[in-house]
């Protein structure tokens, strides 16, 4: 019995273990198998192979018993975390429904400011080595009272060069927020198209899946996060999207997580098994349902990061202002 068969035989198909528990358990199993076969070549006579196969069977039984305990404990933990995330999201959705939208008046703007610490990675095909360094950026988006009028973008690229002028500081103006061209609106969805019922909003997102990302669940999560991160979504569709997040398998919540500016909220996210357990989160204010930041955590020791280390962090703030650059 190979390790994958053994893993499947101890799995409860009704409940998904956490990626951390599955990764650790599989690593333990592979390590034990490696210990047994270490130094054994494929050319070894059949009688030698017969001597260690029964031992491996007993090792497999022992590891399987351990795995079963790990997976059951992981299932219980994941189920509890998922239930808590659902409660947080649906409570936030209800609170959002009572939250007064920030609506700019004549001559005013709804400004969404994103303070981001994103990674800038570079590498060489010759050395196959990738080096990543954090780079802080500021993005201020000014949406006018009439969304079809001219929007303004102020962007500080940090240590990078801008794509519009090649300068690190850029200011752009464009109708409907199409700063980077007619096919690239800042907000890629009409908020009026978003159903205001959570189940319907989830179905609306799921129906748009076209095979992107590492999995359907990751793609659904990312597309909802992309809409919410703008800081411009009105309360009714925002509430529905929060409820929709609670319906994505594997979504869990973590309390008291600080965004890049030190403001704390609840981090809502999921680990993606097909990205070595990488975790992507949005940080919400549970009282308003507003996204106040995003966070990404490494799922493995790679590119100089350690497991669970923050690789990206942002802060998002929405306010009404009467001038734009």
C-alpha atoms as a PDB file:
ATOM      1  CA  UNK A   1       0.000   0.000   0.000  1.00  0.00           C
ATOM      2  CA  UNK A   2       1.578   3.320  -1.063  1.00  0.00           C
ATOM      3  CA  UNK A   3       1.381   6.448   1.054  1.00  0.00           C
ATOM      4  CA  UNK A   4      -1.412   8.051  -1.007  1.00  0.00           C
ATOM      5  CA  UNK A   5      -3.577   4.935  -0.722  1.00  0.00           C
ATOM      6  CA  UNK A   6      -2.903   4.880   2.994  1.00  0.00           C
ATOM      7  CA  UNK A   7      -3.876   8.524   3.303  1.00  0.00           C
ATOM      8  CA  UNK A   8      -7.087   7.970   1.400  1.00  0.00           C
ATOM      9  CA  UNK A   9      -8.015   4.899   3.461  1.00  0.00           C
ATOM     10  CA  UNK A  10      -7.850   6.906   6.682  1.00  0.00           C
ATOM     11  CA  UNK A  11      -9.727   9.904   5.331  1.00  0.00           C
ATOM     12  CA  UNK A  12     -13.264  10.846   6.289  1.00  0.00           C
ATOM     13  CA  UNK A  13     -14.672  12.081   2.958  1.00  0.00           C
ATOM     14  CA  UNK A  14     -17.382  14.028   4.724  1.00  0.00           C
ATOM     15  CA  UNK A  15     -14.902  16.328   6.392  1.00  0.00           C
ATOM     16  CA  UNK A  16     -11.806  17.958   4.985  1.00  0.00           C
ATOM     17  CA  UNK A  17      -8.661  18.054   7.199  1.00  0.00           C
ATOM     18  CA  UNK A  18      -6.752  21.271   7.461  1.00  0.00           C
ATOM     19  CA  UNK A  19      -3.905  21.591   4.929  1.00  0.00           C
ATOM     20  CA  UNK A  20      -1.448  21.956   7.830  1.00  0.00           C
ATOM     21  CA  UNK A  21      -2.578  18.697   9.436  1.00  0.00           C
ATOM     22  CA  UNK A  22      -2.533  16.813   6.119  1.00  0.00           C
ATOM     23  CA  UNK A  23       0.893  18.144   5.140  1.00  0.00           C
ATOM     24  CA  UNK A  24       2.408  17.273   8.531  1.00  0.00           C
ATOM     25  CA  UNK A  25       0.853  13.816   8.557  1.00  0.00           C
ATOM     26  CA  UNK A  26       1.934  13.008   5.020  1.00  0.00           C
ATOM     27  CA  UNK A  27       5.456  14.230   5.784  1.00  0.00           C
ATOM     28  CA  UNK A  28       5.590  11.974   8.841  1.00  0.00           C
ATOM     29  CA  UNK A  29       4.467   9.000   6.768  1.00  0.00           C
ATOM     30  CA  UNK A  30       6.987   9.666   4.017  1.00  0.00           C
ATOM     31  CA  UNK A  31       9.751  10.047   6.596  1.00  0.00           C
ATOM     32  CA  UNK A  32       8.933   6.676   8.148  1.00  0.00           C
ATOM     33  CA  UNK A  33       8.814   5.021   4.732  1.00  0.00           C
ATOM     34  CA  UNK A  34      12.112   6.634   3.792  1.00  0.00           C
ATOM     35  CA  UNK A  35      13.702   5.262   6.994  1.00  0.00           C
ATOM     36  CA  UNK A  36      12.622   1.750   6.057  1.00  0.00           C
ATOM     37  CA  UNK A  37      13.876   1.806   2.492  1.00  0.00           C
ATOM     38  CA  UNK A  38      17.026   3.849   3.056  1.00  0.00           C
ATOM     39  CA  UNK A  39      19.982   2.128   1.396  1.00  0.00           C
ATOM     40  CA  UNK A  40      17.819  -0.424  -0.417  1.00  0.00           C
ATOM     41  CA  UNK A  41      18.343  -0.515  -4.201  1.00  0.00           C
ATOM     42  CA  UNK A  42      15.882  -1.756  -6.792  1.00  0.00           C
ATOM     43  CA  UNK A  43      18.387  -4.446  -7.770  1.00  0.00           C
ATOM     44  CA  UNK A  44      18.249  -6.084  -4.334  1.00  0.00           C
ATOM     45  CA  UNK A  45      17.223  -9.781  -4.523  1.00  0.00           C
ATOM     46  CA  UNK A  46      13.580 -10.685  -4.008  1.00  0.00           C
ATOM     47  CA  UNK A  47      14.248 -12.505  -0.734  1.00  0.00           C
ATOM     48  CA  UNK A  48      15.661  -9.300   0.758  1.00  0.00           C
ATOM     49  CA  UNK A  49      12.653  -7.313  -0.355  1.00  0.00           C
ATOM     50  CA  UNK A  50      10.342  -9.862   1.262  1.00  0.00           C
ATOM     51  CA  UNK A  51      12.065  -9.367   4.604  1.00  0.00           C
ATOM     52  CA  UNK A  52      11.317  -5.632   4.862  1.00  0.00           C
ATOM     53  CA  UNK A  53       7.874  -5.555   3.255  1.00  0.00           C
ATOM     54  CA  UNK A  54       6.090  -7.082   6.293  1.00  0.00           C
ATOM     55  CA  UNK A  55       7.904  -4.596   8.545  1.00  0.00           C
ATOM     56  CA  UNK A  56       6.769  -1.755   6.290  1.00  0.00           C
ATOM     57  CA  UNK A  57       3.206  -3.044   6.517  1.00  0.00           C
ATOM     58  CA  UNK A  58       3.310  -2.839  10.310  1.00  0.00           C
ATOM     59  CA  UNK A  59       4.926   0.586  10.127  1.00  0.00           C
ATOM     60  CA  UNK A  60       2.102   1.641   7.781  1.00  0.00           C
ATOM     61  CA  UNK A  61      -0.503   0.375  10.239  1.00  0.00           C
ATOM     62  CA  UNK A  62       1.086   2.322  13.064  1.00  0.00           C
ATOM     63  CA  UNK A  63       1.384   5.504  11.035  1.00  0.00           C
ATOM     64  CA  UNK A  64      -2.163   5.039   9.745  1.00  0.00           C
ATOM     65  CA  UNK A  65      -3.438   4.915  13.309  1.00  0.00           C
ATOM     66  CA  UNK A  66      -1.507   8.084  14.097  1.00  0.00           C
ATOM     67  CA  UNK A  67      -2.767   9.702  10.900  1.00  0.00           C
ATOM     68  CA  UNK A  68      -6.349   8.870  11.771  1.00  0.00           C
ATOM     69  CA  UNK A  69      -5.996  10.685  15.076  1.00  0.00           C
ATOM     70  CA  UNK A  70      -4.366  13.679  13.404  1.00  0.00           C
ATOM     71  CA  UNK A  71      -7.011  13.881  10.682  1.00  0.00           C
ATOM     72  CA  UNK A  72      -9.917  13.540  13.098  1.00  0.00           C
ATOM     73  CA  UNK A  73      -8.443  16.247  15.334  1.00  0.00           C
ATOM     74  CA  UNK A  74      -7.823  18.377  12.242  1.00  0.00           C
ATOM     75  CA  UNK A  75     -11.386  17.856  11.074  1.00  0.00           C
ATOM     76  CA  UNK A  76     -12.792  18.936  14.427  1.00  0.00           C
ATOM     77  CA  UNK A  77     -10.544  22.003  14.485  1.00  0.00           C
ATOM     78  CA  UNK A  78     -11.364  22.948  10.881  1.00  0.00           C
ATOM     79  CA  UNK A  79     -15.086  22.468  11.379  1.00  0.00           C
ATOM     80  CA  UNK A  80     -15.033  24.665  14.479  1.00  0.00           C
ATOM     81  CA  UNK A  81     -12.958  27.339  12.713  1.00  0.00           C
ATOM     82  CA  UNK A  82     -15.200  27.258   9.652  1.00  0.00           C
ATOM     83  CA  UNK A  83     -18.324  27.546  11.779  1.00  0.00           C
ATOM     84  CA  UNK A  84     -16.804  30.522  13.605  1.00  0.00           C
ATOM     85  CA  UNK A  85     -15.878  32.198  10.297  1.00  0.00           C
ATOM     86  CA  UNK A  86     -19.426  31.703   9.016  1.00  0.00           C
ATOM     87  CA  UNK A  87     -20.828  33.262  12.171  1.00  0.00           C
ATOM     88  CA  UNK A  88     -18.443  36.239  11.937  1.00  0.00           C
ATOM     89  CA  UNK A  89     -19.197  36.821   8.262  1.00  0.00           C
ATOM     90  CA  UNK A  90     -22.954  36.554   8.587  1.00  0.00           C
ATOM     91  CA  UNK A  91     -22.959  38.795  11.657  1.00  0.00           C
ATOM     92  CA  UNK A  92     -20.830  41.324   9.749  1.00  0.00           C
ATOM     93  CA  UNK A  93     -23.226  41.060   6.808  1.00  0.00           C
ATOM     94  CA  UNK A  94     -26.139  41.875   9.114  1.00  0.00           C
ATOM     95  CA  UNK A  95     -24.253  44.820  10.612  1.00  0.00           C
ATOM     96  CA  UNK A  96     -23.365  46.050   7.127  1.00  0.00           C
ATOM     97  CA  UNK A  97     -27.063  46.275   6.310  1.00  0.00           C
ATOM     98  CA  UNK A  98     -27.423  48.838   9.092  1.00  0.00           C
ATOM     99  CA  UNK A  99     -24.303  50.782   8.110  1.00  0.00           C
ATOM    100  CA  UNK A 100     -24.766  54.142   6.386  1.00  0.00           C
ATOM    101  CA  UNK A 101     -22.909  54.255   3.080  1.00  0.00           C
ATOM    102  CA  UNK A 102     -20.267  56.893   2.524  1.00  0.00           C
ATOM    103  CA  UNK A 103     -21.808  58.857  -0.335  1.00  0.00           C
ATOM    104  CA  UNK A 104     -19.959  61.841  -1.841  1.00  0.00           C
ATOM    105  CA  UNK A 105     -21.976  64.981  -2.511  1.00  0.00           C
ATOM    106  CA  UNK A 106     -21.584  67.412  -5.359  1.00  0.00           C
ATOM    107  CA  UNK A 107     -17.920  68.317  -5.781  1.00  0.00           C
ATOM    108  CA  UNK A 108     -16.837  65.599  -3.323  1.00  0.00           C
ATOM    109  CA  UNK A 109     -15.093  62.267  -3.764  1.00  0.00           C
ATOM    110  CA  UNK A 110     -15.190  58.897  -2.061  1.00  0.00           C
ATOM    111  CA  UNK A 111     -11.496  58.226  -1.561  1.00  0.00           C
ATOM    112  CA  UNK A 112     -10.213  54.711  -1.046  1.00  0.00           C
ATOM    113  CA  UNK A 113      -6.636  54.637   0.208  1.00  0.00           C
ATOM    114  CA  UNK A 114      -4.599  51.443   0.044  1.00  0.00           C
ATOM    115  CA  UNK A 115      -1.291  51.291   1.874  1.00  0.00           C
ATOM    116  CA  UNK A 116       0.319  48.110   0.582  1.00  0.00           C
ATOM    117  CA  UNK A 117       3.462  46.145   1.346  1.00  0.00           C
ATOM    118  CA  UNK A 118       3.742  43.878  -1.674  1.00  0.00           C
ATOM    119  CA  UNK A 119       6.655  41.691  -2.704  1.00  0.00           C
ATOM    120  CA  UNK A 120       8.889  42.557  -5.629  1.00  0.00           C
ATOM    121  CA  UNK A 121      10.499  39.353  -6.856  1.00  0.00           C
ATOM    122  CA  UNK A 122      13.320  38.950  -9.339  1.00  0.00           C
ATOM    123  CA  UNK A 123      15.218  35.925 -10.515  1.00  0.00           C
ATOM    124  CA  UNK A 124      17.438  34.431 -13.132  1.00  0.00           C
ATOM    125  CA  UNK A 125      16.722  31.403 -15.294  1.00  0.00           C
ATOM    126  CA  UNK A 126      20.423  30.597 -15.175  1.00  0.00           C
ATOM    127  CA  UNK A 127      20.520  30.260 -11.400  1.00  0.00           C
ATOM    128  CA  UNK A 128      16.833  29.373 -10.881  1.00  0.00           C
ATOM    129  CA  UNK A 129      17.011  31.566  -7.791  1.00  0.00           C
ATOM    130  CA  UNK A 130      14.180  33.928  -6.920  1.00  0.00           C
ATOM    131  CA  UNK A 131      14.764  36.850  -4.560  1.00  0.00           C
ATOM    132  CA  UNK A 132      11.770  38.704  -3.116  1.00  0.00           C
ATOM    133  CA  UNK A 133      11.820  41.972  -1.198  1.00  0.00           C
ATOM    134  CA  UNK A 134       8.965  43.995   0.327  1.00  0.00           C
ATOM    135  CA  UNK A 135       7.993  47.246  -1.363  1.00  0.00           C
ATOM    136  CA  UNK A 136       5.555  49.761   0.153  1.00  0.00           C
ATOM    137  CA  UNK A 137       3.061  51.522  -2.120  1.00  0.00           C
ATOM    138  CA  UNK A 138       0.268  54.051  -1.653  1.00  0.00           C
ATOM    139  CA  UNK A 139      -2.780  54.012  -3.930  1.00  0.00           C
ATOM    140  CA  UNK A 140      -5.406  56.742  -3.537  1.00  0.00           C
ATOM    141  CA  UNK A 141      -8.481  56.318  -5.743  1.00  0.00           C
ATOM    142  CA  UNK A 142     -10.955  59.220  -5.890  1.00  0.00           C
ATOM    143  CA  UNK A 143     -14.449  58.288  -7.086  1.00  0.00           C
ATOM    144  CA  UNK A 144     -16.652  61.334  -7.845  1.00  0.00           C
ATOM    145  CA  UNK A 145     -20.311  61.701  -6.899  1.00  0.00           C
ATOM    146  CA  UNK A 146     -21.120  60.806 -10.504  1.00  0.00           C
ATOM    147  CA  UNK A 147     -19.267  57.497 -11.094  1.00  0.00           C
ATOM    148  CA  UNK A 148     -19.287  58.087 -14.859  1.00  0.00           C
ATOM    149  CA  UNK A 149     -17.327  61.331 -14.444  1.00  0.00           C
ATOM    150  CA  UNK A 150     -13.563  61.689 -14.158  1.00  0.00           C
ATOM    151  CA  UNK A 151     -11.874  59.628 -11.440  1.00  0.00           C
ATOM    152  CA  UNK A 152      -8.412  60.408 -10.070  1.00  0.00           C
ATOM    153  CA  UNK A 153      -5.611  57.996  -9.128  1.00  0.00           C
ATOM    154  CA  UNK A 154      -2.585  58.993  -7.085  1.00  0.00           C
ATOM    155  CA  UNK A 155       0.005  56.239  -6.825  1.00  0.00           C
ATOM    156  CA  UNK A 156       3.345  56.093  -5.057  1.00  0.00           C
ATOM    157  CA  UNK A 157       5.102  53.010  -6.440  1.00  0.00           C
ATOM    158  CA  UNK A 158       7.769  53.005  -3.745  1.00  0.00           C
ATOM    159  CA  UNK A 159      10.995  51.547  -5.098  1.00  0.00           C
ATOM    160  CA  UNK A 160       9.364  50.635  -8.427  1.00  0.00           C
ATOM    161  CA  UNK A 161       8.823  52.625 -11.611  1.00  0.00           C
ATOM    162  CA  UNK A 162       5.269  53.456 -12.609  1.00  0.00           C
ATOM    163  CA  UNK A 163       3.713  51.992 -15.748  1.00  0.00           C
ATOM    164  CA  UNK A 164       2.196  55.265 -16.971  1.00  0.00           C
ATOM    165  CA  UNK A 165       5.136  57.659 -16.822  1.00  0.00           C
ATOM    166  CA  UNK A 166       8.032  55.566 -15.579  1.00  0.00           C
ATOM    167  CA  UNK A 167       8.199  57.744 -12.469  1.00  0.00           C
ATOM    168  CA  UNK A 168       7.746  56.427  -8.937  1.00  0.00           C
ATOM    169  CA  UNK A 169       4.960  58.977  -8.283  1.00  0.00           C
ATOM    170  CA  UNK A 170       2.061  59.065 -10.744  1.00  0.00           C
ATOM    171  CA  UNK A 171      -1.267  60.869 -10.991  1.00  0.00           C
ATOM    172  CA  UNK A 172      -3.852  59.727 -13.532  1.00  0.00           C
ATOM    173  CA  UNK A 173      -7.329  60.919 -14.493  1.00  0.00           C
ATOM    174  CA  UNK A 174      -9.877  58.911 -16.439  1.00  0.00           C
ATOM    175  CA  UNK A 175     -13.620  58.605 -16.834  1.00  0.00           C
ATOM    176  CA  UNK A 176     -15.075  55.616 -15.017  1.00  0.00           C
ATOM    177  CA  UNK A 177     -11.706  54.905 -13.397  1.00  0.00           C
ATOM    178  CA  UNK A 178     -10.117  53.460 -16.555  1.00  0.00           C
ATOM    179  CA  UNK A 179      -6.649  54.679 -15.626  1.00  0.00           C
ATOM    180  CA  UNK A 180      -4.756  51.969 -17.500  1.00  0.00           C
ATOM    181  CA  UNK A 181      -6.848  51.865 -20.652  1.00  0.00           C
ATOM    182  CA  UNK A 182     -10.431  51.418 -21.886  1.00  0.00           C
ATOM    183  CA  UNK A 183     -10.405  47.704 -21.022  1.00  0.00           C
ATOM    184  CA  UNK A 184      -9.009  48.202 -17.517  1.00  0.00           C
ATOM    185  CA  UNK A 185     -11.554  49.879 -15.236  1.00  0.00           C
ATOM    186  CA  UNK A 186     -10.470  50.208 -11.612  1.00  0.00           C
ATOM    187  CA  UNK A 187     -13.712  48.519 -10.555  1.00  0.00           C
ATOM    188  CA  UNK A 188     -14.357  45.560 -12.856  1.00  0.00           C
ATOM    189  CA  UNK A 189     -17.954  44.877 -11.867  1.00  0.00           C
ATOM    190  CA  UNK A 190     -21.180  46.851 -11.823  1.00  0.00           C
ATOM    191  CA  UNK A 191     -22.240  46.815  -8.184  1.00  0.00           C
ATOM    192  CA  UNK A 192     -25.875  46.812  -9.308  1.00  0.00           C
ATOM    193  CA  UNK A 193     -25.289  43.339 -10.823  1.00  0.00           C
ATOM    194  CA  UNK A 194     -24.407  41.802  -7.451  1.00  0.00           C
ATOM    195  CA  UNK A 195     -27.391  40.008  -5.866  1.00  0.00           C
ATOM    196  CA  UNK A 196     -28.195  41.302  -2.403  1.00  0.00           C
ATOM    197  CA  UNK A 197     -28.942  37.824  -1.038  1.00  0.00           C
ATOM    198  CA  UNK A 198     -25.944  35.839   0.231  1.00  0.00           C
ATOM    199  CA  UNK A 199     -26.846  32.512  -1.398  1.00  0.00           C
ATOM    200  CA  UNK A 200     -27.632  34.258  -4.677  1.00  0.00           C
ATOM    201  CA  UNK A 201     -24.375  36.241  -4.514  1.00  0.00           C
ATOM    202  CA  UNK A 202     -22.421  33.010  -4.013  1.00  0.00           C
ATOM    203  CA  UNK A 203     -24.184  31.411  -6.988  1.00  0.00           C
ATOM    204  CA  UNK A 204     -23.487  34.555  -9.057  1.00  0.00           C
ATOM    205  CA  UNK A 205     -19.755  34.337  -8.285  1.00  0.00           C
ATOM    206  CA  UNK A 206     -19.577  30.569  -8.758  1.00  0.00           C
ATOM    207  CA  UNK A 207     -21.318  30.710 -12.154  1.00  0.00           C
ATOM    208  CA  UNK A 208     -18.576  33.034 -13.437  1.00  0.00           C
ATOM    209  CA  UNK A 209     -15.811  30.511 -12.777  1.00  0.00           C
ATOM    210  CA  UNK A 210     -13.834  29.860 -15.973  1.00  0.00           C
ATOM    211  CA  UNK A 211     -11.107  27.540 -14.711  1.00  0.00           C
ATOM    212  CA  UNK A 212      -8.689  30.077 -13.261  1.00  0.00           C
ATOM    213  CA  UNK A 213      -6.569  29.833 -10.085  1.00  0.00           C
ATOM    214  CA  UNK A 214      -5.400  26.649  -8.412  1.00  0.00           C
ATOM    215  CA  UNK A 215      -8.942  25.568  -7.543  1.00  0.00           C
ATOM    216  CA  UNK A 216     -12.539  26.686  -7.975  1.00  0.00           C
ATOM    217  CA  UNK A 217     -12.805  27.611  -4.284  1.00  0.00           C
ATOM    218  CA  UNK A 218      -9.642  29.730  -4.443  1.00  0.00           C
ATOM    219  CA  UNK A 219     -10.889  31.501  -7.556  1.00  0.00           C
ATOM    220  CA  UNK A 220     -14.258  32.267  -5.945  1.00  0.00           C
ATOM    221  CA  UNK A 221     -12.551  33.612  -2.821  1.00  0.00           C
ATOM    222  CA  UNK A 222     -10.100  35.751  -4.803  1.00  0.00           C
ATOM    223  CA  UNK A 223     -12.786  37.271  -7.061  1.00  0.00           C
ATOM    224  CA  UNK A 224     -14.906  38.256  -4.044  1.00  0.00           C
ATOM    225  CA  UNK A 225     -11.827  39.704  -2.318  1.00  0.00           C
ATOM    226  CA  UNK A 226     -10.946  41.648  -5.491  1.00  0.00           C
ATOM    227  CA  UNK A 227     -14.355  43.343  -5.408  1.00  0.00           C
ATOM    228  CA  UNK A 228     -14.335  44.076  -1.681  1.00  0.00           C
ATOM    229  CA  UNK A 229     -10.746  45.360  -1.523  1.00  0.00           C
ATOM    230  CA  UNK A 230     -11.638  48.421  -3.583  1.00  0.00           C
ATOM    231  CA  UNK A 231     -13.220  50.015  -0.500  1.00  0.00           C
ATOM    232  CA  UNK A 232     -15.967  51.412  -2.739  1.00  0.00           C
ATOM    233  CA  UNK A 233     -18.660  48.697  -2.565  1.00  0.00           C
ATOM    234  CA  UNK A 234     -22.055  49.931  -1.251  1.00  0.00           C
ATOM    235  CA  UNK A 235     -23.469  48.305   1.876  1.00  0.00           C
ATOM    236  CA  UNK A 236     -26.118  46.027   0.315  1.00  0.00           C
ATOM    237  CA  UNK A 237     -23.865  44.173  -2.180  1.00  0.00           C
ATOM    238  CA  UNK A 238     -21.029  44.213   0.367  1.00  0.00           C
ATOM    239  CA  UNK A 239     -23.234  42.418   2.899  1.00  0.00           C
ATOM    240  CA  UNK A 240     -24.200  39.815   0.278  1.00  0.00           C
ATOM    241  CA  UNK A 241     -20.566  39.188  -0.684  1.00  0.00           C
ATOM    242  CA  UNK A 242     -19.569  38.716   2.962  1.00  0.00           C
ATOM    243  CA  UNK A 243     -22.334  36.155   3.310  1.00  0.00           C
ATOM    244  CA  UNK A 244     -21.143  34.512   0.075  1.00  0.00           C
ATOM    245  CA  UNK A 245     -17.628  34.178   1.520  1.00  0.00           C
ATOM    246  CA  UNK A 246     -19.060  32.158   4.400  1.00  0.00           C
ATOM    247  CA  UNK A 247     -20.271  29.581   1.840  1.00  0.00           C
ATOM    248  CA  UNK A 248     -16.824  28.854   0.364  1.00  0.00           C
ATOM    249  CA  UNK A 249     -15.388  25.589   1.751  1.00  0.00           C
ATOM    250  CA  UNK A 250     -12.379  25.937   4.030  1.00  0.00           C
ATOM    251  CA  UNK A 251     -12.855  29.594   4.971  1.00  0.00           C
ATOM    252  CA  UNK A 252     -11.788  30.302   8.562  1.00  0.00           C
ATOM    253  CA  UNK A 253     -11.425  33.382  10.769  1.00  0.00           C
ATOM    254  CA  UNK A 254      -8.726  34.794  13.056  1.00  0.00           C
ATOM    255  CA  UNK A 255      -9.456  37.551  15.592  1.00  0.00           C
ATOM    256  CA  UNK A 256      -7.363  40.630  16.387  1.00  0.00           C
ATOM    257  CA  UNK A 257      -5.248  40.799  13.243  1.00  0.00           C
ATOM    258  CA  UNK A 258      -3.626  44.167  12.528  1.00  0.00           C
ATOM    259  CA  UNK A 259      -3.518  45.665   9.058  1.00  0.00           C
ATOM    260  CA  UNK A 260      -0.451  47.500   7.776  1.00  0.00           C
ATOM    261  CA  UNK A 261      -1.477  50.686   9.611  1.00  0.00           C
ATOM    262  CA  UNK A 262      -2.015  48.859  12.918  1.00  0.00           C
ATOM    263  CA  UNK A 263      -5.839  48.821  12.824  1.00  0.00           C
ATOM    264  CA  UNK A 264      -7.161  45.478  14.023  1.00  0.00           C
ATOM    265  CA  UNK A 265     -10.033  43.415  12.689  1.00  0.00           C
ATOM    266  CA  UNK A 266     -11.004  39.842  11.878  1.00  0.00           C
ATOM    267  CA  UNK A 267      -8.970  38.058   9.205  1.00  0.00           C
ATOM    268  CA  UNK A 268     -11.104  35.892   6.929  1.00  0.00           C
ATOM    269  CA  UNK A 269      -9.198  33.497   4.703  1.00  0.00           C
ATOM    270  CA  UNK A 270      -8.456  30.042   3.437  1.00  0.00           C
ATOM    271  CA  UNK A 271      -5.424  27.863   2.831  1.00  0.00           C
ATOM    272  CA  UNK A 272      -4.986  26.601  -0.711  1.00  0.00           C
ATOM    273  CA  UNK A 273      -3.700  22.992  -0.785  1.00  0.00           C
ATOM    274  CA  UNK A 274      -2.617  23.329  -4.421  1.00  0.00           C
ATOM    275  CA  UNK A 275      -0.330  26.242  -3.487  1.00  0.00           C
ATOM    276  CA  UNK A 276       1.461  24.331  -0.711  1.00  0.00           C
ATOM    277  CA  UNK A 277      -0.982  25.647   1.881  1.00  0.00           C
ATOM    278  CA  UNK A 278      -0.539  29.356   1.055  1.00  0.00           C
ATOM    279  CA  UNK A 279      -3.158  31.405   2.879  1.00  0.00           C
ATOM    280  CA  UNK A 280      -4.888  34.513   1.553  1.00  0.00           C
ATOM    281  CA  UNK A 281      -7.001  36.693   3.854  1.00  0.00           C
ATOM    282  CA  UNK A 282      -9.071  39.835   3.902  1.00  0.00           C
ATOM    283  CA  UNK A 283      -9.230  41.749   7.180  1.00  0.00           C
ATOM    284  CA  UNK A 284     -12.661  43.152   7.949  1.00  0.00           C
ATOM    285  CA  UNK A 285     -14.120  45.540  10.475  1.00  0.00           C
ATOM    286  CA  UNK A 286     -16.897  43.323  11.900  1.00  0.00           C
ATOM    287  CA  UNK A 287     -18.960  46.384  12.858  1.00  0.00           C
ATOM    288  CA  UNK A 288     -19.186  47.789   9.325  1.00  0.00           C
ATOM    289  CA  UNK A 289     -18.263  44.888   7.054  1.00  0.00           C
ATOM    290  CA  UNK A 290     -15.646  47.119   5.438  1.00  0.00           C
ATOM    291  CA  UNK A 291     -12.424  45.514   4.277  1.00  0.00           C
ATOM    292  CA  UNK A 292      -9.609  47.256   6.166  1.00  0.00           C
ATOM    293  CA  UNK A 293      -6.750  45.255   4.692  1.00  0.00           C
ATOM    294  CA  UNK A 294      -5.454  42.054   3.190  1.00  0.00           C
ATOM    295  CA  UNK A 295      -2.814  39.562   4.224  1.00  0.00           C
ATOM    296  CA  UNK A 296      -0.993  36.646   2.598  1.00  0.00           C
ATOM    297  CA  UNK A 297       0.839  33.957   4.565  1.00  0.00           C
ATOM    298  CA  UNK A 298       3.445  31.517   3.284  1.00  0.00           C
ATOM    299  CA  UNK A 299       2.329  27.895   3.318  1.00  0.00           C
ATOM    300  CA  UNK A 300       5.865  26.546   3.160  1.00  0.00           C
ATOM    301  CA  UNK A 301       9.477  27.587   3.626  1.00  0.00           C
ATOM    302  CA  UNK A 302      10.214  29.068   0.206  1.00  0.00           C
ATOM    303  CA  UNK A 303      11.898  32.142  -1.307  1.00  0.00           C
ATOM    304  CA  UNK A 304      13.344  32.909   2.119  1.00  0.00           C
ATOM    305  CA  UNK A 305       9.980  32.889   3.904  1.00  0.00           C
ATOM    306  CA  UNK A 306       9.082  30.520   6.711  1.00  0.00           C
ATOM    307  CA  UNK A 307       5.791  28.690   7.174  1.00  0.00           C
ATOM    308  CA  UNK A 308       3.067  31.085   8.344  1.00  0.00           C
ATOM    309  CA  UNK A 309       5.151  34.228   7.720  1.00  0.00           C
ATOM    310  CA  UNK A 310       3.378  37.313   6.340  1.00  0.00           C
ATOM    311  CA  UNK A 311       4.495  37.808   2.771  1.00  0.00           C
ATOM    312  CA  UNK A 312       2.064  40.630   1.922  1.00  0.00           C
ATOM    313  CA  UNK A 313       0.045  43.041   4.066  1.00  0.00           C
ATOM    314  CA  UNK A 314      -2.144  46.042   3.257  1.00  0.00           C
ATOM    315  CA  UNK A 315      -4.379  48.618   4.921  1.00  0.00           C
ATOM    316  CA  UNK A 316      -7.524  50.006   3.268  1.00  0.00           C
ATOM    317  CA  UNK A 317      -9.397  53.127   4.391  1.00  0.00           C
ATOM    318  CA  UNK A 318     -12.425  54.833   2.826  1.00  0.00           C
ATOM    319  CA  UNK A 319     -13.299  58.487   3.493  1.00  0.00           C
ATOM    320  CA  UNK A 320     -15.184  61.415   1.927  1.00  0.00           C
ATOM    321  CA  UNK A 321     -12.930  64.255   0.712  1.00  0.00           C
ATOM    322  CA  UNK A 322     -13.685  67.497  -1.094  1.00  0.00           C
ATOM    323  CA  UNK A 323     -10.565  67.712  -3.271  1.00  0.00           C
ATOM    324  CA  UNK A 324      -8.458  65.425  -5.450  1.00  0.00           C
ATOM    325  CA  UNK A 325      -4.895  65.835  -6.805  1.00  0.00           C
END
